[in-house]
Amino acid sequence: MSDLKFVSSRGSAPAVSLSEAIAQGLAPDGGLYVPTRLPVLDPRAFAGLSRLPDIARAALTGFFEGDRLLPALGEIADAALDLAAPTTVVEGSRDPLFALELFHGPTAAFKDFGARFLAESLQRLETSRPQPLTILVATSGDTGGAVAAAFHGRPWVRVVILYPAGLVSPRQEQQLTCWGGNVASLRIAGTFDDCQRLVKEAFGDASLGRRHRFSSANSINIGRLLPQMVYYAASSLEIERRTGAKASYIIPAGNLGNAFAAVWARAFGLPIARIVLAHNINRTVPDFLSTGVWQPRSSIATLASAMDVGNPSNMERLRALYPTWGEVREQLSAESIDDATIRSRIGEDFMRYGREWCPHTATAAEVYARLSTAERRDRPWVVVATAHPAKFNEIVEPIIGKPVEIPDSLDRLLRLPQHAVDLPPTLEALAAALE
C-alpha cells in the first residue's frame, strides 16, 4: 500500500507527509489537513491491549505509514500517553452509564493527551532546525495550559498563547500565565473567536511568516487529533468487552476537535454507535444540524467557557469527510444547554451519583438526562468528562456545598506567579508582541 498523504480540507494545497502536516499545523490555503484515505483497521491488533501507549501503536500505525516518524511512534506514545483515561461506571444509574475521565493529566483536562503527543512528535522533527519554532495557540480555556505544560522548557520552541480577557475561569487563567521562559501569554481584549482569527491571520501573513517559523497546537493541527482517537479506541473496546455492545458517546463540544476525533475513530472502524454533541448556548453547530445553514457568529460567554466558540474550526474536517448536510446529520446530533441548566445538572448529579462534574461535563450529563428511557436502556452510554471540576471551583463548589479536592499537579501550578501581556485584537498588536 502506498504511503499515506495529507491534503487540505479546502482542496487547493499540495499533498504532504504526516510530518509536514504536523510541522505546518495549517495548510497554505488556510485549510486543515486530512488524510487522503482512512487506514484499514485490523481489530486483531488490539487483542489483549489495555495501556494507552500500546493501543496508540495499534490505532495510529496506519496514519504514520511511510512517514519519517513511524519508527518513533512507540516512544512518542510511551512519553505522551502514559496517562490514566479510565472509563468508569456511574454508580447509582439504573441504566448502563459510564464516564470517560480525561482529566487525569498534568493540567487536569483532555487537552493534555493531544498537546503532549504533539510536543513529542515535534521534538523529533525539530532537532536539526536552526531557527526556533513559534507555536501560536488560541485558547478558550484548557488548550493553552495543556500546550504550555507540554512544551515548557523545550529549547527549540517558543509558545505564544492568546486567550480572551475575562472569559476564562480564574484557575484556567493561572494555568495559562504561570510558565514564563519559552511561554508567552497574551491576554486579548476580545473573544476566543478573535484569538483564533488572529492566529489564522498570522499564519496567512507572508511578512510575519518570513520572520517567524509558525506552527499551531490548536486542534487545527492533526498532531493533536490523532492521539485523541486513542482514548476513544481504548474506551469503546473496553465497553464492547464488558457489555457486548457498542458504546454511544456524549461529548462536550466547542471547536469540535475532541468530537471529530471520535467521528474519525468510528469511521476508522472502532466500535462506536451514536455520537451526540453537547454544546452550551453557542449554537452554531446545533443550528447547522437543524437547518442545514452554516452560520458562524460571535461567541457568547458561558459557564462552560472552554466551549465558547462561535466558528468551530474542525467543521471543515467534518464536512470534508461528510460533504453533504444529510450525511453530517446521519453521523451526529447536537443539543444546546444554557447556564441555568448546567448549574442544575451539576447539583442533581452530585446528589444522585456523587459525581462532581465541571460545567463542560455537565452539558453532556444534561444531554444524557434528556434521552428517553428506551434510549438510555438500549445501549451503553458514555459521558465524556473533559476537565476536572477543581478548575472551575468558583462555579462548582457553591452548587455542591463542599470544596472540590485539587489534584496535586494542578495545585503546584496554582502556586506559581502569573505573567501576561494585554493586547487589542489586531494583527498589528500581535506582530509587535512577537517581535
Protein backbone atom coordinates (compact mmCIF):
# COMPACT_ATOMS: atom_id res chain seq x y z
CA MET A 1 0.00 0.00 0.00
CA SER A 2 1.29 3.47 -0.87
CA ASP A 3 2.39 5.92 1.80
CA LEU A 4 -0.44 7.91 3.33
CA LYS A 5 -0.58 11.59 2.34
CA PHE A 6 -2.42 14.53 3.84
CA VAL A 7 -4.29 17.24 1.94
CA SER A 8 -6.09 20.46 2.83
CA SER A 9 -9.79 20.42 3.67
CA ARG A 10 -10.08 23.30 1.16
CA GLY A 11 -8.52 21.30 -1.64
CA SER A 12 -6.03 23.81 -3.06
CA ALA A 13 -2.76 22.95 -1.33
CA PRO A 14 -0.24 20.23 -2.25
CA ALA A 15 -0.37 16.84 -0.56
CA VAL A 16 2.21 16.44 2.21
CA SER A 17 3.52 13.78 4.55
CA LEU A 18 2.22 13.46 8.11
CA SER A 19 5.43 15.03 9.45
CA GLU A 20 4.95 18.04 7.18
CA ALA A 21 1.28 18.37 8.17
CA ILE A 22 2.21 18.31 11.87
CA ALA A 23 5.06 20.79 11.42
CA GLN A 24 2.97 23.24 9.37
CA GLY A 25 -0.18 23.00 11.50
CA LEU A 26 -2.36 24.77 8.94
CA ALA A 27 -2.30 24.18 5.19
CA PRO A 28 -1.09 27.06 2.95
CA ASP A 29 -4.63 27.64 1.64
CA GLY A 30 -5.95 28.09 5.18
CA GLY A 31 -7.49 24.62 5.33
CA LEU A 32 -6.98 21.83 7.84
CA TYR A 33 -5.00 18.72 6.97
CA VAL A 34 -6.91 15.45 6.45
CA PRO A 35 -5.66 12.08 5.17
CA THR A 36 -6.35 11.16 1.55
CA ARG A 37 -7.89 7.95 2.89
CA LEU A 38 -8.56 6.38 6.28
CA PRO A 39 -6.24 3.46 7.05
CA VAL A 40 -7.69 -0.05 7.25
CA LEU A 41 -8.24 -1.16 10.83
CA ASP A 42 -7.32 -4.68 11.91
CA PRO A 43 -9.37 -5.42 15.07
CA ARG A 44 -6.99 -8.26 15.94
CA ALA A 45 -4.24 -5.70 16.54
CA PHE A 46 -5.96 -4.65 19.80
CA ALA A 47 -6.19 -8.13 21.32
CA GLY A 48 -5.01 -8.10 24.92
CA LEU A 49 -4.12 -4.38 24.90
CA SER A 50 -5.17 -2.06 27.71
CA ARG A 51 -2.44 0.62 28.07
CA LEU A 52 -2.98 3.78 26.01
CA PRO A 53 0.57 3.72 24.52
CA ASP A 54 0.03 0.16 23.27
CA ILE A 55 -3.40 0.99 21.86
CA ALA A 56 -1.87 4.06 20.18
CA ARG A 57 0.61 1.84 18.32
CA ALA A 58 -2.22 -0.36 17.05
CA ALA A 59 -4.57 2.52 16.18
CA LEU A 60 -2.15 5.03 14.65
CA THR A 61 0.41 2.96 12.71
CA GLY A 62 -1.67 3.27 9.53
CA PHE A 63 -1.69 7.07 9.77
CA PHE A 64 2.12 7.08 10.17
CA GLU A 65 2.69 4.61 7.29
CA GLY A 66 5.70 5.66 5.22
CA ASP A 67 6.38 8.73 7.38
CA ARG A 68 9.74 9.53 8.97
CA LEU A 69 8.03 9.50 12.39
CA LEU A 70 6.83 5.90 12.07
CA PRO A 71 9.93 4.36 13.75
CA ALA A 72 9.44 6.75 16.68
CA LEU A 73 5.68 6.19 17.12
CA GLY A 74 6.20 3.78 20.00
CA GLU A 75 8.46 6.08 22.00
CA ILE A 76 6.22 9.09 21.24
CA ALA A 77 3.22 7.18 22.58
CA ASP A 78 5.13 5.98 25.64
CA ALA A 79 6.25 9.50 26.52
CA ALA A 80 2.98 11.30 25.75
CA LEU A 81 0.18 8.90 26.62
CA ASP A 82 1.34 7.38 29.87
CA LEU A 83 -1.77 8.91 31.44
CA ALA A 84 -4.89 7.46 33.01
CA ALA A 85 -8.10 7.70 30.97
CA PRO A 86 -10.47 5.34 32.77
CA THR A 87 -14.00 4.59 31.62
CA THR A 88 -15.77 4.30 34.97
CA VAL A 89 -19.25 3.08 35.86
CA VAL A 90 -21.54 5.85 37.09
CA GLU A 91 -22.76 4.24 40.29
CA GLY A 92 -26.43 4.75 41.08
CA SER A 93 -27.59 4.80 37.47
CA ARG A 94 -30.31 2.27 36.63
CA ASP A 95 -29.07 2.12 33.05
CA PRO A 96 -25.63 1.31 31.57
CA LEU A 97 -23.96 4.71 32.09
CA PHE A 98 -20.22 5.36 32.13
CA ALA A 99 -17.89 8.37 32.33
CA LEU A 100 -14.73 8.63 30.23
CA GLU A 101 -12.45 10.54 32.60
CA LEU A 102 -10.00 12.63 30.60
CA PHE A 103 -8.85 14.94 33.42
CA HIS A 104 -6.03 12.95 34.99
CA GLY A 105 -3.20 14.66 33.07
CA PRO A 106 -0.87 17.43 34.30
CA THR A 107 -3.33 20.27 33.60
CA ALA A 108 -6.49 18.31 34.51
CA ALA A 109 -8.15 18.48 31.08
CA PHE A 110 -8.44 16.28 27.99
CA LYS A 111 -6.17 18.62 26.03
CA ASP A 112 -3.15 17.07 27.81
CA PHE A 113 -3.29 13.97 25.61
CA GLY A 114 -3.05 15.80 22.30
CA ALA A 115 -0.64 18.50 23.47
CA ARG A 116 1.86 16.01 24.88
CA PHE A 117 1.71 13.83 21.76
CA LEU A 118 2.22 16.86 19.53
CA ALA A 119 5.19 18.06 21.61
CA GLU A 120 6.88 14.67 21.44
CA SER A 121 6.27 14.46 17.68
CA LEU A 122 7.67 17.92 17.01
CA GLN A 123 10.64 17.23 19.30
CA ARG A 124 11.72 14.53 16.85
CA LEU A 125 11.19 16.79 13.83
CA GLU A 126 12.93 19.88 15.18
CA THR A 127 16.36 18.63 16.26
CA SER A 128 18.18 19.84 13.13
CA ARG A 129 16.36 23.15 12.58
CA PRO A 130 18.47 26.32 13.02
CA GLN A 131 15.51 28.66 13.67
CA PRO A 132 13.28 28.06 16.71
CA LEU A 133 9.67 27.13 16.04
CA THR A 134 6.95 29.56 17.18
CA ILE A 135 3.73 27.86 18.17
CA LEU A 136 0.70 30.14 18.14
CA VAL A 137 -2.21 28.80 20.13
CA ALA A 138 -5.64 30.37 20.61
CA THR A 139 -7.41 29.03 23.67
CA SER A 140 -10.87 29.25 25.17
CA GLY A 141 -9.51 27.91 28.44
CA ASP A 142 -7.89 24.48 28.51
CA THR A 143 -5.81 24.19 25.33
CA GLY A 144 -3.31 26.89 26.26
CA GLY A 145 -2.47 25.42 29.64
CA ALA A 146 -2.02 21.93 28.20
CA VAL A 147 0.19 23.21 25.37
CA ALA A 148 2.26 25.30 27.77
CA ALA A 149 2.79 22.31 30.06
CA ALA A 150 3.73 20.06 27.15
CA PHE A 151 6.24 22.46 25.54
CA HIS A 152 7.61 24.39 28.53
CA GLY A 153 11.38 24.23 28.80
CA ARG A 154 11.99 22.77 25.32
CA PRO A 155 14.73 24.98 23.80
CA TRP A 156 13.72 24.54 20.16
CA VAL A 157 10.29 26.14 20.52
CA ARG A 158 8.55 29.31 21.67
CA VAL A 159 4.88 29.07 22.65
CA VAL A 160 2.62 32.12 22.30
CA ILE A 161 -0.80 31.72 23.94
CA LEU A 162 -3.70 34.00 23.01
CA TYR A 163 -6.68 33.93 25.38
CA PRO A 164 -9.75 36.18 25.79
CA ALA A 165 -9.57 38.62 28.70
CA GLY A 166 -12.16 37.92 31.39
CA LEU A 167 -13.61 34.89 29.59
CA VAL A 168 -11.72 32.03 31.23
CA SER A 169 -12.01 30.81 34.81
CA PRO A 170 -9.51 32.16 37.36
CA ARG A 171 -7.78 28.79 37.66
CA GLN A 172 -7.70 28.38 33.90
CA GLU A 173 -6.04 31.80 33.62
CA GLN A 174 -3.49 30.78 36.24
CA GLN A 175 -2.61 27.74 34.10
CA LEU A 176 -2.26 29.96 31.03
CA THR A 177 0.04 32.52 32.64
CA CYS A 178 2.22 30.72 35.22
CA TRP A 179 5.00 29.49 32.95
CA GLY A 180 7.43 32.18 31.79
CA GLY A 181 10.58 31.04 30.00
CA ASN A 182 9.73 29.96 26.46
CA VAL A 183 5.98 30.52 27.01
CA ALA A 184 4.41 33.95 26.40
CA SER A 185 0.80 34.60 27.44
CA LEU A 186 -1.18 37.28 25.59
CA ARG A 187 -4.48 38.42 27.12
CA ILE A 188 -6.61 39.60 24.19
CA ALA A 189 -9.36 42.21 24.57
CA GLY A 190 -11.97 40.12 22.74
CA THR A 191 -13.47 36.64 22.44
CA PHE A 192 -11.96 33.25 21.66
CA ASP A 193 -13.01 33.76 18.05
CA ASP A 194 -10.88 36.93 17.96
CA CYS A 195 -7.93 34.90 19.27
CA GLN A 196 -8.49 32.18 16.69
CA ARG A 197 -8.84 34.77 13.91
CA LEU A 198 -5.53 36.38 14.92
CA VAL A 199 -3.74 33.04 14.77
CA LYS A 200 -5.10 32.35 11.28
CA GLU A 201 -4.22 35.88 10.13
CA ALA A 202 -0.67 35.46 11.40
CA PHE A 203 -0.35 32.17 9.54
CA GLY A 204 -1.54 33.86 6.36
CA ASP A 205 0.71 36.94 6.63
CA ALA A 206 3.73 36.47 4.33
CA SER A 207 5.84 39.10 6.09
CA LEU A 208 5.34 37.50 9.50
CA GLY A 209 5.93 34.08 8.00
CA ARG A 210 9.37 35.17 6.77
CA ARG A 211 10.37 36.36 10.24
CA HIS A 212 8.88 33.52 12.28
CA ARG A 213 8.54 29.81 11.61
CA PHE A 214 4.96 29.24 12.74
CA SER A 215 3.10 26.12 13.72
CA SER A 216 -0.11 25.52 15.62
CA ALA A 217 -1.05 23.44 18.63
CA ASN A 218 -4.79 24.00 18.41
CA SER A 219 -6.95 21.13 17.26
CA ILE A 220 -6.45 22.53 13.76
CA ASN A 221 -3.13 20.61 13.98
CA ILE A 222 -3.60 16.98 13.03
CA GLY A 223 -0.92 16.02 15.55
CA ARG A 224 -3.44 16.97 18.25
CA LEU A 225 -6.32 14.96 16.81
CA LEU A 226 -4.67 11.62 16.17
CA PRO A 227 -3.87 10.84 19.83
CA GLN A 228 -7.39 11.86 20.84
CA MET A 229 -8.64 8.92 18.77
CA VAL A 230 -6.66 6.66 21.09
CA TYR A 231 -8.75 7.17 24.22
CA TYR A 232 -11.92 6.57 22.19
CA ALA A 233 -10.34 3.37 20.91
CA ALA A 234 -9.47 2.26 24.44
CA SER A 235 -12.85 3.20 25.87
CA SER A 236 -15.02 1.74 23.10
CA LEU A 237 -13.11 -1.54 23.04
CA GLU A 238 -13.40 -1.82 26.82
CA ILE A 239 -17.14 -1.15 26.74
CA GLU A 240 -17.62 -3.73 24.00
CA ARG A 241 -15.68 -6.32 26.01
CA ARG A 242 -17.66 -5.56 29.17
CA THR A 243 -21.16 -5.27 27.71
CA GLY A 244 -21.04 -6.93 24.30
CA ALA A 245 -22.42 -3.73 22.74
CA LYS A 246 -21.11 -0.63 21.01
CA ALA A 247 -20.85 2.45 23.19
CA SER A 248 -22.51 5.76 22.38
CA TYR A 249 -20.71 8.95 23.41
CA ILE A 250 -21.98 12.34 24.53
CA ILE A 251 -19.16 14.82 24.04
CA PRO A 252 -18.90 18.42 25.30
CA ALA A 253 -18.18 20.35 22.11
CA GLY A 254 -16.60 23.71 21.28
CA ASN A 255 -14.03 23.82 18.48
CA LEU A 256 -15.05 20.22 17.57
CA GLY A 257 -11.57 18.68 17.83
CA ASN A 258 -12.49 16.15 20.51
CA ALA A 259 -15.76 15.32 18.80
CA PHE A 260 -14.13 14.90 15.41
CA ALA A 261 -11.56 12.53 16.91
CA ALA A 262 -14.50 10.33 17.92
CA VAL A 263 -16.02 10.64 14.45
CA TRP A 264 -12.74 9.56 12.87
CA ALA A 265 -12.40 6.70 15.35
CA ARG A 266 -15.83 5.40 14.36
CA ALA A 267 -15.21 5.87 10.64
CA PHE A 268 -11.91 4.07 11.12
CA GLY A 269 -13.83 1.01 12.33
CA LEU A 270 -13.86 1.23 16.12
CA PRO A 271 -16.99 0.01 17.97
CA ILE A 272 -18.78 3.33 18.46
CA ALA A 273 -22.52 3.69 17.93
CA ARG A 274 -24.05 7.18 18.32
CA ILE A 275 -22.08 10.39 18.80
CA VAL A 276 -24.04 13.25 20.38
CA LEU A 277 -22.56 16.73 20.80
CA ALA A 278 -23.34 18.75 23.92
CA HIS A 279 -22.97 22.48 23.29
CA ASN A 280 -23.57 25.43 25.56
CA ILE A 281 -25.66 28.30 24.17
CA ASN A 282 -23.14 28.86 21.38
CA ARG A 283 -25.48 27.18 18.90
CA THR A 284 -23.60 27.32 15.58
CA VAL A 285 -23.39 23.54 15.25
CA PRO A 286 -26.83 22.60 16.63
CA ASP A 287 -28.41 25.19 14.34
CA PHE A 288 -26.49 23.85 11.34
CA LEU A 289 -27.63 20.31 12.05
CA SER A 290 -31.20 21.57 12.39
CA THR A 291 -31.36 23.88 9.36
CA GLY A 292 -28.51 22.97 7.02
CA VAL A 293 -27.29 26.59 7.12
CA TRP A 294 -23.72 27.11 8.31
CA GLN A 295 -23.75 30.49 10.01
CA PRO A 296 -20.80 31.26 12.30
CA ARG A 297 -21.41 34.04 14.77
CA SER A 298 -19.72 35.81 17.65
CA SER A 299 -19.25 33.58 20.67
CA ILE A 300 -21.22 34.12 23.88
CA ALA A 301 -19.61 33.83 27.31
CA THR A 302 -20.98 30.94 29.41
CA LEU A 303 -20.15 28.88 32.50
CA ALA A 304 -18.66 26.25 30.17
CA SER A 305 -16.09 28.74 28.94
CA ALA A 306 -13.81 26.31 27.08
CA MET A 307 -16.73 25.65 24.72
CA ASP A 308 -17.45 29.31 23.94
CA VAL A 309 -16.78 29.00 20.21
CA GLY A 310 -18.91 30.61 17.51
CA ASN A 311 -16.94 29.42 14.47
CA PRO A 312 -15.64 25.90 15.16
CA SER A 313 -12.57 25.15 13.03
CA ASN A 314 -12.99 21.40 12.81
CA MET A 315 -16.29 21.67 10.98
CA GLU A 316 -14.03 21.88 7.91
CA ARG A 317 -12.72 18.38 8.61
CA LEU A 318 -16.18 17.07 9.31
CA ARG A 319 -17.54 18.42 6.03
CA ALA A 320 -14.52 17.11 4.14
CA LEU A 321 -15.36 13.63 5.45
CA TYR A 322 -19.14 14.00 5.01
CA PRO A 323 -19.69 16.63 2.29
CA THR A 324 -23.49 16.98 2.45
CA TRP A 325 -25.71 18.22 5.25
CA GLY A 326 -27.65 14.97 5.14
CA GLU A 327 -24.50 12.93 5.66
CA VAL A 328 -23.44 15.05 8.63
CA ARG A 329 -26.91 14.66 10.19
CA GLU A 330 -26.63 10.90 9.81
CA GLN A 331 -23.36 10.91 11.74
CA LEU A 332 -24.09 13.38 14.55
CA SER A 333 -26.76 15.02 16.62
CA ALA A 334 -26.34 18.01 18.90
CA GLU A 335 -28.08 19.81 21.73
CA SER A 336 -27.60 23.20 23.36
CA ILE A 337 -27.63 23.67 27.15
CA ASP A 338 -27.98 27.02 28.93
CA ASP A 339 -26.14 28.14 32.06
CA ALA A 340 -29.08 27.68 34.45
CA THR A 341 -29.48 24.09 33.32
CA ILE A 342 -25.73 23.45 33.62
CA ARG A 343 -25.92 24.60 37.26
CA SER A 344 -28.93 22.39 37.91
CA ARG A 345 -27.29 19.34 36.38
CA ILE A 346 -24.12 19.80 38.47
CA GLY A 347 -26.25 19.80 41.61
CA GLU A 348 -28.61 17.00 40.60
CA ASP A 349 -25.89 14.57 39.55
CA PHE A 350 -23.88 15.26 42.68
CA MET A 351 -26.93 14.34 44.73
CA ARG A 352 -27.86 11.35 42.56
CA TYR A 353 -24.49 9.83 41.70
CA GLY A 354 -21.98 11.55 43.98
CA ARG A 355 -20.23 12.80 40.82
CA GLU A 356 -18.58 16.23 40.70
CA TRP A 357 -18.90 17.50 37.13
CA CYS A 358 -17.15 20.51 35.65
CA PRO A 359 -19.54 22.80 33.71
CA HIS A 360 -18.46 21.24 30.40
CA THR A 361 -19.05 17.68 31.52
CA ALA A 362 -22.39 18.81 32.97
CA THR A 363 -23.58 19.79 29.48
CA ALA A 364 -23.01 16.19 28.38
CA ALA A 365 -24.66 14.85 31.54
CA GLU A 366 -27.71 17.03 30.82
CA VAL A 367 -27.97 15.73 27.26
CA TYR A 368 -27.88 12.20 28.67
CA ALA A 369 -30.66 13.07 31.13
CA ARG A 370 -32.81 14.24 28.21
CA LEU A 371 -32.64 10.89 26.43
CA SER A 372 -35.75 8.77 26.57
CA THR A 373 -35.86 5.80 28.93
CA ALA A 374 -35.77 3.50 25.92
CA GLU A 375 -32.67 5.23 24.52
CA ARG A 376 -30.84 5.03 27.85
CA ARG A 377 -31.57 1.33 28.23
CA ASP A 378 -30.94 0.44 24.59
CA ARG A 379 -27.14 0.67 24.75
CA PRO A 380 -24.26 1.73 26.98
CA TRP A 381 -23.79 5.49 27.09
CA VAL A 382 -20.57 7.30 27.93
CA VAL A 383 -20.49 10.89 29.20
CA VAL A 384 -17.11 12.36 28.26
CA ALA A 385 -15.68 14.16 31.30
CA THR A 386 -13.32 16.67 29.73
CA ALA A 387 -11.99 18.66 32.72
CA HIS A 388 -11.56 18.32 36.46
CA PRO A 389 -14.15 20.28 38.46
CA ALA A 390 -11.36 21.84 40.55
CA LYS A 391 -10.54 24.04 37.55
CA PHE A 392 -13.99 25.63 37.98
CA ASN A 393 -14.21 25.68 41.77
CA GLU A 394 -15.90 29.10 41.84
CA ILE A 395 -18.83 27.57 39.91
CA VAL A 396 -18.97 24.01 41.24
CA GLU A 397 -18.33 24.41 44.98
CA PRO A 398 -21.29 26.73 45.78
CA ILE A 399 -23.60 24.30 43.97
CA ILE A 400 -22.47 21.09 45.66
CA GLY A 401 -21.82 22.76 49.02
CA LYS A 402 -18.31 21.42 49.58
CA PRO A 403 -14.74 22.06 48.41
CA VAL A 404 -13.53 20.17 45.36
CA GLU A 405 -10.26 18.37 46.03
CA ILE A 406 -7.44 19.84 43.96
CA PRO A 407 -5.23 17.36 42.06
CA ASP A 408 -1.57 17.62 43.04
CA SER A 409 -0.48 18.62 39.52
CA LEU A 410 -2.97 21.49 39.45
CA ASP A 411 -2.14 22.59 42.98
CA ARG A 412 1.52 23.00 42.03
CA LEU A 413 0.61 25.32 39.13
CA LEU A 414 -1.73 27.41 41.26
CA ARG A 415 1.21 28.42 43.47
CA LEU A 416 3.28 29.96 40.64
CA PRO A 417 3.34 33.70 39.75
CA GLN A 418 1.44 34.97 36.70
CA HIS A 419 2.92 36.61 33.58
CA ALA A 420 0.60 38.08 30.90
CA VAL A 421 0.62 40.90 28.34
CA ASP A 422 -2.61 42.72 27.45
CA LEU A 423 -3.25 43.29 23.73
CA PRO A 424 -6.04 44.61 21.49
CA PRO A 425 -7.41 42.05 18.98
CA THR A 426 -5.37 43.26 15.98
CA LEU A 427 -2.73 41.58 13.86
CA GLU A 428 -0.51 44.64 14.24
CA ALA A 429 -0.50 44.26 18.02
CA LEU A 430 0.21 40.55 17.76
CA ALA A 431 3.05 41.18 15.32
CA ALA A 432 4.63 43.68 17.68
CA ALA A 433 4.34 41.26 20.59
CA LEU A 434 6.01 38.54 18.55
CA GLU A 435 8.97 40.80 17.93
